[in-house]
Every structure is written in structure tokens, then in C-alpha cells.
N, C-alpha and C. Protein backbone atom coordinates (compact mmCIF):
# COMPACT_ATOMS: atom_id res chain seq x y z
N MET A 1 12.86 8.16 13.03
CA MET A 1 12.73 7.52 12.44
C MET A 1 11.65 6.65 12.09
N LEU A 2 10.43 6.28 11.11
CA LEU A 2 10.01 5.15 11.24
C LEU A 2 9.53 4.72 10.20
N ARG A 3 9.63 3.52 9.76
CA ARG A 3 9.21 2.62 8.53
C ARG A 3 8.01 2.11 8.66
N LEU A 4 6.78 2.14 7.74
CA LEU A 4 6.09 1.40 7.49
C LEU A 4 5.66 0.47 6.06
N ASP A 5 5.03 -0.65 6.65
CA ASP A 5 4.50 -1.42 4.94
C ASP A 5 3.30 -1.96 5.21
N ILE A 6 2.43 -1.94 3.92
CA ILE A 6 1.40 -2.45 4.06
C ILE A 6 1.25 -3.57 3.51
N GLU A 7 0.97 -4.38 4.18
CA GLU A 7 1.14 -6.02 3.88
C GLU A 7 -0.13 -6.18 2.73
N ALA A 8 0.77 -7.37 1.86
CA ALA A 8 -0.51 -7.05 0.60
C ALA A 8 -1.08 -6.13 0.56
N LEU A 9 -0.28 -5.01 -0.41
CA LEU A 9 -0.64 -4.02 -0.92
C LEU A 9 -2.02 -4.54 -1.67
N TYR A 10 -1.70 -5.08 -2.79
CA TYR A 10 -2.91 -5.29 -4.08
C TYR A 10 -3.77 -6.38 -3.90
N THR A 11 -3.59 -7.42 -2.95
CA THR A 11 -4.86 -7.75 -3.05
C THR A 11 -5.86 -7.43 -1.95
N SER A 12 -5.06 -6.27 -0.83
CA SER A 12 -5.68 -5.91 -0.12
C SER A 12 -5.81 -4.53 0.35
N ILE A 13 -5.98 -3.88 -1.15
CA ILE A 13 -7.01 -2.27 -1.16
C ILE A 13 -8.18 -2.70 -1.83
N PRO A 14 -9.46 -2.17 -1.30
CA PRO A 14 -11.01 -2.36 -0.81
C PRO A 14 -11.26 -1.58 -2.34
N GLN A 15 -11.77 -2.79 -3.78
CA GLN A 15 -12.04 -2.27 -5.08
C GLN A 15 -13.29 -1.39 -4.86
N GLU A 16 -14.16 -0.79 -3.78
CA GLU A 16 -15.33 -0.02 -4.21
C GLU A 16 -14.47 1.47 -3.88
N GLU A 17 -13.67 1.86 -2.96
CA GLU A 17 -12.90 3.25 -2.63
C GLU A 17 -11.97 3.22 -3.41
N SER A 18 -11.15 2.13 -4.11
CA SER A 18 -10.13 2.44 -5.00
C SER A 18 -11.34 3.25 -6.38
N LEU A 19 -12.73 2.60 -7.11
CA LEU A 19 -12.95 3.39 -7.83
C LEU A 19 -13.36 4.70 -7.45
N GLN A 20 -13.96 4.75 -6.01
CA GLN A 20 -13.59 6.05 -5.49
C GLN A 20 -12.30 6.96 -6.25
N ALA A 21 -11.26 6.72 -5.78
CA ALA A 21 -9.92 7.02 -6.07
C ALA A 21 -9.99 7.10 -7.07
N ILE A 22 -10.28 6.73 -8.69
CA ILE A 22 -10.36 6.91 -9.79
C ILE A 22 -11.32 7.80 -9.50
N THR A 23 -12.12 7.72 -9.38
CA THR A 23 -13.34 8.90 -9.74
C THR A 23 -13.12 10.53 -9.36
N ASP A 24 -12.54 10.33 -8.18
CA ASP A 24 -12.20 11.75 -7.92
C ASP A 24 -10.95 11.98 -8.57
N LEU A 25 -10.11 11.30 -8.39
CA LEU A 25 -8.86 11.64 -10.12
C LEU A 25 -9.16 12.66 -10.51
N LEU A 26 -9.96 12.02 -11.68
CA LEU A 26 -11.13 11.54 -12.64
C LEU A 26 -11.97 12.75 -13.27
N LEU A 27 -12.42 13.11 -12.13
CA LEU A 27 -13.12 14.25 -11.75
C LEU A 27 -12.31 15.91 -11.18
N SER A 28 -11.48 15.77 -10.85
CA SER A 28 -10.54 16.57 -10.82
C SER A 28 -9.26 17.26 -11.80
N GLN A 29 -9.31 16.59 -12.92
CA GLN A 29 -8.47 16.78 -13.87
C GLN A 29 -8.90 16.72 -15.07
N VAL A 30 -10.58 15.97 -15.66
CA VAL A 30 -11.50 15.72 -16.38
C VAL A 30 -12.87 16.66 -16.07
N ARG A 31 -13.65 16.96 -17.11
CA ARG A 31 -14.77 17.52 -17.03
C ARG A 31 -15.65 16.24 -16.88
N GLU A 32 -16.78 16.20 -16.12
CA GLU A 32 -17.31 15.14 -15.54
C GLU A 32 -18.14 14.62 -16.54
N SER A 33 -18.57 15.18 -17.71
CA SER A 33 -19.26 14.64 -19.13
C SER A 33 -18.59 14.04 -19.54
N ALA A 34 -17.04 14.07 -19.48
CA ALA A 34 -16.29 13.71 -20.88
C ALA A 34 -16.04 12.44 -20.90
N ALA A 35 -16.38 12.33 -21.85
CA ALA A 35 -16.70 10.53 -22.79
C ALA A 35 -15.61 9.80 -21.98
N PRO A 36 -14.43 9.95 -22.48
CA PRO A 36 -12.87 9.14 -21.81
C PRO A 36 -12.88 8.98 -20.68
N ALA A 37 -13.66 9.86 -19.78
CA ALA A 37 -13.69 9.69 -18.52
C ALA A 37 -14.63 8.31 -17.39
N LYS A 38 -15.65 8.41 -18.55
CA LYS A 38 -16.94 7.30 -18.08
C LYS A 38 -15.91 6.10 -19.02
N TRP A 39 -15.51 6.24 -20.17
CA TRP A 39 -15.02 4.79 -20.12
C TRP A 39 -13.47 4.50 -18.84
N ILE A 40 -13.19 5.24 -19.35
CA ILE A 40 -11.96 5.14 -18.28
C ILE A 40 -12.55 4.40 -17.25
N MET A 41 -13.45 5.22 -16.36
CA MET A 41 -13.98 4.45 -15.23
C MET A 41 -15.09 2.87 -15.36
N LEU A 42 -15.24 3.06 -16.94
CA LEU A 42 -16.05 1.75 -16.84
C LEU A 42 -14.83 0.24 -17.19
N LEU A 43 -13.92 0.73 -17.72
CA LEU A 43 -12.71 -0.19 -17.86
C LEU A 43 -12.17 -0.32 -16.48
N ALA A 44 -11.67 0.57 -15.65
CA ALA A 44 -11.48 0.05 -14.66
C ALA A 44 -12.28 -0.28 -12.79
N LYS A 45 -13.79 -0.37 -13.42
CA LYS A 45 -14.38 -1.17 -12.97
C LYS A 45 -14.36 -2.93 -13.21
N LEU A 46 -14.31 -2.80 -14.75
CA LEU A 46 -13.94 -4.18 -15.23
C LEU A 46 -12.90 -4.52 -14.89
N ALA A 47 -11.62 -4.18 -14.63
CA ALA A 47 -10.16 -5.14 -14.53
C ALA A 47 -10.12 -4.65 -13.00
N LEU A 48 -11.03 -4.50 -12.29
CA LEU A 48 -10.34 -4.67 -10.60
C LEU A 48 -12.18 -5.66 -10.06
N THR A 49 -12.54 -5.28 -10.63
CA THR A 49 -13.74 -6.01 -10.04
C THR A 49 -14.63 -7.74 -11.04
N GLU A 50 -13.48 -7.28 -11.96
CA GLU A 50 -14.20 -9.08 -12.79
C GLU A 50 -13.26 -10.22 -12.71
N ASN A 51 -12.28 -10.44 -12.08
CA ASN A 51 -10.90 -11.09 -11.69
C ASN A 51 -10.97 -12.27 -11.54
N PHE A 52 -11.17 -13.09 -12.34
CA PHE A 52 -11.60 -15.27 -11.88
C PHE A 52 -10.11 -15.54 -12.23
N PHE A 53 -10.56 -16.73 -11.24
CA PHE A 53 -9.10 -17.33 -11.22
C PHE A 53 -9.46 -18.83 -10.74
N SER A 54 -8.35 -19.53 -11.72
CA SER A 54 -8.61 -21.24 -10.94
C SER A 54 -7.36 -21.61 -9.95
N PHE A 55 -8.48 -22.67 -9.21
CA PHE A 55 -7.57 -23.44 -7.99
C PHE A 55 -8.17 -24.40 -8.09
N GLU A 56 -6.72 -26.19 -8.24
CA GLU A 56 -7.71 -27.46 -8.13
C GLU A 56 -8.93 -27.76 -8.95
N ASP A 57 -8.64 -26.83 -10.15
CA ASP A 57 -9.65 -27.44 -10.58
C ASP A 57 -10.71 -26.71 -11.14
N GLN A 58 -11.22 -25.44 -9.94
CA GLN A 58 -12.10 -24.96 -9.38
C GLN A 58 -12.20 -23.31 -9.91
N ILE A 59 -13.27 -22.46 -10.16
CA ILE A 59 -12.67 -21.42 -10.59
C ILE A 59 -13.46 -20.17 -9.93
N TYR A 60 -12.87 -19.71 -9.11
CA TYR A 60 -13.04 -18.22 -8.55
C TYR A 60 -13.33 -17.20 -8.88
N LEU A 61 -14.33 -16.59 -8.40
CA LEU A 61 -14.13 -14.41 -8.29
C LEU A 61 -13.37 -13.90 -7.16
N GLN A 62 -12.53 -12.74 -7.75
CA GLN A 62 -11.73 -12.57 -6.43
C GLN A 62 -12.76 -10.85 -6.38
N HIS A 63 -12.88 -11.33 -5.13
CA HIS A 63 -13.74 -9.99 -3.62
C HIS A 63 -13.57 -9.46 -4.10
N HIS A 64 -11.88 -9.45 -4.00
CA HIS A 64 -11.64 -8.37 -2.98
C HIS A 64 -9.97 -7.57 -3.36
N GLY A 65 -9.35 -7.03 -3.45
CA GLY A 65 -8.58 -6.38 -3.84
C GLY A 65 -8.33 -6.04 -5.94
N ALA A 66 -6.94 -6.28 -5.81
CA ALA A 66 -6.28 -6.14 -7.36
C ALA A 66 -5.83 -7.56 -7.45
N SER A 67 -5.97 -7.73 -8.61
CA SER A 67 -4.96 -9.41 -8.93
C SER A 67 -3.85 -9.53 -9.39
N MET A 68 -3.43 -10.09 -8.08
CA MET A 68 -1.46 -9.96 -8.75
C MET A 68 -1.28 -10.58 -9.62
N GLY A 69 -0.35 -9.79 -10.59
CA GLY A 69 0.32 -9.70 -11.55
C GLY A 69 -0.44 -9.03 -12.90
N SER A 70 -1.71 -8.47 -12.09
CA SER A 70 -1.84 -7.86 -13.50
C SER A 70 -1.11 -6.64 -13.71
N THR A 71 -1.73 -5.99 -15.05
CA THR A 71 -0.98 -4.64 -15.29
C THR A 71 -0.95 -3.76 -14.37
N PHE A 72 -3.08 -3.33 -13.76
CA PHE A 72 -3.45 -2.63 -13.22
C PHE A 72 -2.96 -2.36 -11.63
N ALA A 73 -2.48 -3.53 -11.54
CA ALA A 73 -2.16 -3.60 -9.88
C ALA A 73 -1.40 -2.77 -9.66
N PRO A 74 -0.34 -2.29 -9.82
CA PRO A 74 0.29 -1.55 -9.30
C PRO A 74 -0.11 0.02 -9.38
N SER A 75 -0.63 0.23 -10.21
CA SER A 75 -0.98 1.43 -10.90
C SER A 75 -2.55 2.11 -9.78
N ILE A 76 -3.76 1.29 -9.57
CA ILE A 76 -4.37 1.25 -8.73
C ILE A 76 -4.16 1.03 -7.59
N ALA A 77 -3.14 0.15 -7.17
CA ALA A 77 -2.52 0.26 -5.34
C ALA A 77 -2.45 1.62 -5.37
N CYS A 78 -0.92 2.21 -6.23
CA CYS A 78 -0.84 3.16 -6.16
C CYS A 78 -1.75 4.18 -5.20
N LEU A 79 -2.32 4.90 -6.77
CA LEU A 79 -3.87 5.35 -6.68
C LEU A 79 -4.78 5.27 -5.57
N TYR A 80 -4.33 4.91 -5.04
CA TYR A 80 -5.81 3.87 -4.14
C TYR A 80 -4.95 4.69 -2.77
N VAL A 81 -3.63 4.06 -2.52
CA VAL A 81 -2.76 5.03 -1.16
C VAL A 81 -2.85 6.54 -1.13
N ARG A 82 -1.99 6.78 -2.26
CA ARG A 82 -2.48 8.53 -2.41
C ARG A 82 -3.72 9.11 -1.96
N TRP A 83 -4.77 8.26 -2.29
CA TRP A 83 -6.43 9.00 -2.19
C TRP A 83 -6.43 9.23 -0.11
N PHE A 84 -5.59 7.56 -0.16
CA PHE A 84 -6.21 7.75 1.50
C PHE A 84 -5.35 8.05 2.32
N GLU A 85 -3.99 8.62 1.67
CA GLU A 85 -2.80 9.66 2.21
C GLU A 85 -3.67 10.90 2.42
N GLU A 86 -3.97 11.98 1.00
CA GLU A 86 -4.97 13.01 0.99
C GLU A 86 -6.13 12.57 1.86
N GLY A 87 -6.52 11.61 2.27
CA GLY A 87 -7.85 11.82 3.17
C GLY A 87 -7.48 12.10 4.28
N ASN A 88 -6.06 11.34 5.04
CA ASN A 88 -6.15 11.02 5.91
C ASN A 88 -4.40 11.59 6.53
N ILE A 89 -3.91 11.97 6.29
CA ILE A 89 -2.21 11.96 6.36
C ILE A 89 -2.31 13.49 6.40
N CYS A 90 -2.10 13.81 5.29
CA CYS A 90 -2.46 15.67 4.37
C CYS A 90 -2.87 15.86 5.42
N ALA A 91 -4.75 16.09 5.11
CA ALA A 91 -5.58 16.08 6.21
C ALA A 91 -5.36 16.52 7.80
N ASN A 92 -5.71 17.94 8.11
CA ASN A 92 -5.32 17.75 10.01
C ASN A 92 -5.74 16.46 10.57
N ASN A 93 -4.66 16.33 11.28
CA ASN A 93 -5.21 14.78 12.06
C ASN A 93 -3.75 15.12 13.29
N THR A 94 -4.29 15.03 14.50
CA THR A 94 -3.63 15.42 15.25
C THR A 94 -2.40 14.55 15.21
N PHE A 95 -2.14 14.49 14.49
CA PHE A 95 -0.54 13.86 15.00
C PHE A 95 0.71 14.84 13.95
N ASN A 96 -0.20 15.38 12.66
CA ASN A 96 0.49 16.15 11.43
C ASN A 96 1.87 17.02 12.28
N ASP A 97 2.13 17.41 13.78
CA ASP A 97 3.16 18.67 14.60
C ASP A 97 3.94 17.04 14.84
N ASP A 98 3.74 16.13 14.86
CA ASP A 98 5.06 14.76 15.08
C ASP A 98 5.55 14.02 13.52
N ILE A 99 4.21 14.45 12.19
CA ILE A 99 4.96 13.37 10.71
C ILE A 99 5.99 15.18 10.41
N ARG A 100 7.14 14.76 10.38
CA ARG A 100 8.45 15.68 9.86
C ARG A 100 8.58 15.42 8.47
N LEU A 101 8.64 14.14 7.89
CA LEU A 101 8.38 13.74 6.52
C LEU A 101 7.69 12.39 6.11
N TRP A 102 6.97 12.45 5.37
CA TRP A 102 6.43 11.43 4.91
C TRP A 102 7.03 10.91 3.14
N ARG A 103 7.28 9.58 2.91
CA ARG A 103 7.57 9.24 1.75
C ARG A 103 7.35 7.73 1.88
N ARG A 104 6.89 7.48 0.24
CA ARG A 104 6.42 6.57 0.12
C ARG A 104 6.45 5.86 -1.29
N TYR A 105 7.09 4.68 -1.40
CA TYR A 105 7.18 4.05 -2.43
C TYR A 105 6.25 3.08 -2.68
N ILE A 106 5.05 2.68 -3.47
CA ILE A 106 4.15 1.94 -3.52
C ILE A 106 3.89 1.36 -2.22
N ASP A 107 4.72 0.42 -1.12
CA ASP A 107 3.73 0.12 0.09
C ASP A 107 5.13 0.53 0.98
N ASP A 108 5.91 1.13 0.72
CA ASP A 108 7.12 0.97 1.93
C ASP A 108 7.11 2.48 2.50
N ILE A 109 6.90 3.38 3.38
CA ILE A 109 6.77 4.41 3.84
C ILE A 109 8.00 4.91 4.66
N LEU A 110 8.59 5.94 4.44
CA LEU A 110 9.35 6.04 5.58
C LEU A 110 8.64 7.96 6.34
N VAL A 111 9.04 7.58 7.64
CA VAL A 111 8.55 8.57 7.97
C VAL A 111 9.13 9.62 9.31
N ILE A 112 9.71 10.63 8.82
CA ILE A 112 10.84 11.34 10.19
C ILE A 112 9.59 11.67 10.93
N TRP A 113 9.37 11.15 13.04
CA TRP A 113 9.24 11.75 13.62
C TRP A 113 9.34 12.03 14.22
N HIS A 114 8.77 13.16 14.95
CA HIS A 114 9.02 14.37 15.91
C HIS A 114 9.19 13.34 17.56
N GLY A 115 7.59 13.06 17.41
CA GLY A 115 7.57 12.34 19.03
C GLY A 115 7.84 11.41 19.41
N ASP A 116 7.19 11.32 20.02
CA ASP A 116 8.20 9.77 21.63
C ASP A 116 7.13 8.16 20.96
N GLU A 117 7.88 7.10 21.51
CA GLU A 117 7.82 6.19 20.90
C GLU A 117 6.06 5.79 21.91
N THR A 118 5.49 6.39 22.53
CA THR A 118 4.16 5.88 23.05
C THR A 118 3.27 6.73 21.77
N THR A 119 3.72 7.83 21.37
CA THR A 119 2.83 9.13 20.53
C THR A 119 3.10 7.82 19.38
N ILE A 120 4.00 7.02 18.50
CA ILE A 120 4.46 6.45 17.03
C ILE A 120 3.54 5.31 17.39
N GLU A 121 3.03 4.67 18.89
CA GLU A 121 2.25 3.50 18.38
C GLU A 121 0.62 3.93 18.40
N LEU A 122 0.18 5.04 19.56
CA LEU A 122 -0.73 5.83 18.73
C LEU A 122 -1.19 6.40 17.31
N PHE A 123 -0.52 6.95 16.70
CA PHE A 123 -0.38 6.86 15.32
C PHE A 123 -0.85 5.78 14.56
N ILE A 124 0.31 4.46 15.11
CA ILE A 124 -0.11 3.00 14.19
C ILE A 124 -1.34 2.74 14.45
N THR A 125 -1.63 2.45 15.61
CA THR A 125 -3.33 2.74 16.11
C THR A 125 -4.07 3.20 15.07
N TRP A 126 -4.12 4.49 15.16
CA TRP A 126 -5.01 5.97 14.68
C TRP A 126 -4.71 5.31 12.78
N LEU A 127 -3.93 4.11 12.11
CA LEU A 127 -3.54 3.86 10.97
C LEU A 127 -4.06 3.09 10.42
N LYS A 128 -4.35 2.47 11.25
CA LYS A 128 -4.79 0.93 11.45
C LYS A 128 -6.62 1.41 11.05
N GLU A 129 -7.05 2.08 12.32
CA GLU A 129 -8.58 2.04 12.28
C GLU A 129 -8.97 2.73 10.91
N ARG A 130 -8.19 3.09 10.48
CA ARG A 130 -8.56 3.83 9.09
C ARG A 130 -8.50 3.82 8.07
N SER A 131 -7.62 2.60 8.61
CA SER A 131 -6.89 1.90 6.47
C SER A 131 -7.69 0.65 6.56
N ALA A 132 -8.71 0.37 5.23
CA ALA A 132 -8.43 -1.57 4.61
C ALA A 132 -7.47 -1.79 4.60
N PRO A 133 -5.89 -1.25 3.89
CA PRO A 133 -4.88 -2.30 4.01
C PRO A 133 -4.36 -2.61 5.50
N LYS A 134 -3.98 -3.41 5.62
CA LYS A 134 -3.59 -3.41 7.05
C LYS A 134 -1.81 -2.87 6.90
N ILE A 135 -1.84 -1.69 8.07
CA ILE A 135 -0.73 -1.07 7.85
C ILE A 135 -0.35 -1.98 9.36
N ARG A 136 1.05 -1.54 9.13
CA ARG A 136 2.26 -2.58 10.50
C ARG A 136 2.83 -1.92 10.36
N SER A 137 3.53 -1.80 11.55
CA SER A 137 4.97 -1.34 12.36
C SER A 137 5.66 -2.33 11.40
N TRP A 138 6.95 -1.51 10.48
CA TRP A 138 7.63 -2.65 9.88
C TRP A 138 8.78 -2.25 10.66
N GLY A 139 9.54 -1.35 11.78
CA GLY A 139 10.86 -1.45 12.43
C GLY A 139 10.11 0.66 12.83
N THR A 140 10.46 0.27 14.14
CA THR A 140 10.73 1.74 14.62
C THR A 140 11.87 2.11 15.14
N TYR A 141 12.11 3.36 14.20
CA TYR A 141 13.67 3.62 14.31
C TYR A 141 14.02 5.14 15.01
N LEU A 142 14.08 4.79 16.16
CA LEU A 142 14.44 7.14 17.10
C LEU A 142 15.68 7.09 16.98
N LEU A 143 15.81 8.61 16.95
CA LEU A 143 17.08 8.59 16.18
C LEU A 143 17.67 10.22 17.48
N GLU A 144 18.77 9.45 18.42
CA GLU A 144 18.84 10.58 19.61
C GLU A 144 20.07 10.66 19.03
N ALA A 145 20.61 11.99 19.69
CA ALA A 145 21.17 12.51 19.07
C ALA A 145 22.61 12.50 19.25
N GLY A 146 23.84 12.22 18.70
CA GLY A 146 24.87 11.39 18.71
C GLY A 146 24.84 10.57 18.09
N ARG A 147 22.93 9.45 18.34
CA ARG A 147 23.39 8.20 17.67
C ARG A 147 23.47 8.09 16.13
N LYS A 148 24.15 6.84 15.68
CA LYS A 148 23.74 6.91 13.74
C LYS A 148 23.33 5.39 13.36
N ASP A 149 22.43 4.09 14.81
CA ASP A 149 22.05 2.64 14.71
C ASP A 149 21.15 3.32 12.99
N ALA A 150 20.84 4.48 13.16
CA ALA A 150 19.17 3.74 11.97
C ALA A 150 19.80 4.27 10.54
N VAL A 151 20.66 5.02 10.65
CA VAL A 151 21.25 6.21 9.47
C VAL A 151 22.84 6.15 9.70
N GLY A 152 23.33 5.82 8.69
CA GLY A 152 24.81 5.58 8.59
C GLY A 152 25.81 6.06 7.36
N SER A 153 26.72 7.02 6.97
CA SER A 153 27.26 6.84 5.59
C SER A 153 28.54 6.45 5.86
N GLN A 154 29.09 6.05 4.35
CA GLN A 154 30.14 5.56 3.97
C GLN A 154 30.56 5.85 2.95
N ARG A 155 31.81 5.78 3.03
CA ARG A 155 32.85 6.31 1.85
C ARG A 155 33.43 5.36 0.53
N ALA A 156 33.39 5.20 0.12
CA ALA A 156 33.92 3.83 -0.94
C ALA A 156 35.11 3.72 -1.14
N SER A 157 36.00 2.49 -1.80
CA SER A 157 37.48 2.53 -2.26
C SER A 157 37.59 3.39 -2.84
N ASP A 158 36.99 4.35 -3.58
CA ASP A 158 37.77 5.21 -5.16
C ASP A 158 37.05 6.61 -4.54
N GLY A 159 36.25 6.89 -3.25
CA GLY A 159 36.31 8.44 -2.92
C GLY A 159 34.98 8.94 -2.63
N ARG A 160 33.82 8.28 -3.12
CA ARG A 160 32.53 8.47 -3.74
C ARG A 160 32.03 7.89 -2.47
N SER A 161 31.35 9.32 -1.81
CA SER A 161 30.12 8.85 -0.06
C SER A 161 29.19 8.73 -0.75
N GLY A 162 28.08 7.61 0.13
CA GLY A 162 26.72 7.69 0.35
C GLY A 162 26.28 7.51 1.89
N ALA A 163 24.82 7.37 1.45
CA ALA A 163 24.44 6.76 2.96
C ALA A 163 23.59 6.08 2.66
N ALA A 164 22.76 5.23 3.53
CA ALA A 164 21.91 4.06 4.20
C ALA A 164 21.48 4.03 4.90
N LEU A 165 20.03 3.65 5.00
CA LEU A 165 19.60 2.74 5.85
C LEU A 165 19.40 1.75 6.42
N PHE A 166 19.37 1.43 7.67
CA PHE A 166 19.49 -0.06 7.86
C PHE A 166 18.62 -0.55 8.88
């Protein structure tokens, strides 16, 4: 099992690629000439690229990523990562046979991995080469037969059972 984390996702997403992700989604969902799609793109570009903030009485324009605290940031970040996954993880790559399960919640990723530790390091390097956000290994846990050090089960005092990831 492998856990990954995308560091500083909101402020790391590339603005142009994020706008391309929105465009691709809109084109797959609505007609290209549809007026709402054009308005959505205009508003998305404004929300993503016109972020000003002040620090020590100076006003700055944020040139990279989405603004922390904006209501738009989680949506565009998730959309960008989905777009990245579809173009890299879901597409044919040399690691497809090793990825048994890939699940993500915002910037935390759980992978059930079939390969060895060397292959994991190659995979992490491959991810970093293709991604704008810095993807780093958050912890590498390989399960061997009979070991329960990464996944454990437990029974509560009321008889309910559950599982936990460590």
C-alpha cells in the first residue's frame, strides 16, 4: 500500500493547465457554442488569475495556483487533479500493472501497489516529472502475507467492528 500527498495543492496548481481542465470538462459536457460555457470560462479565468492580496502594506498579484480561502479553490484543485489523473494515471503507462487501486480525496491518495519498493521509487519519480504540483511520497507501506502493520481491524466495546489505516 502506498500513501501519497500533493503538497500545497491549492497554491501549486498551474493556472493555465487548470483552465484547460475546465475547458476540457465543459467541452465534454456542453456544446462548444453554448453561451453558459463561455461565461463559465470567463468567470473561472477571473477567479483563478485575478487574485490580489496584501502583505505588510504592499499589494501583490498571485501568479501561480488558486487563492487559499477562496470558495473556488477546492473545486478547481479537484478538477485539475482529476484532469491530471485522466491524462497520466488512467492512460496507459508503464506502471498500470502495479496499480491495483487508486483512490483520492482532494490531495490525499491511497494506492494498492503490486510492485516492489524499487518500482515504487520509479513511479514517484515518474509522477514528479509529469506533475506541476509537487507529489511526494507520504509514506510507503508494503503489505506482506500475514502482516497487519498497515491495516488493522478492531472490535469496539459495543460489538461493532471496524478497520483503521495506520
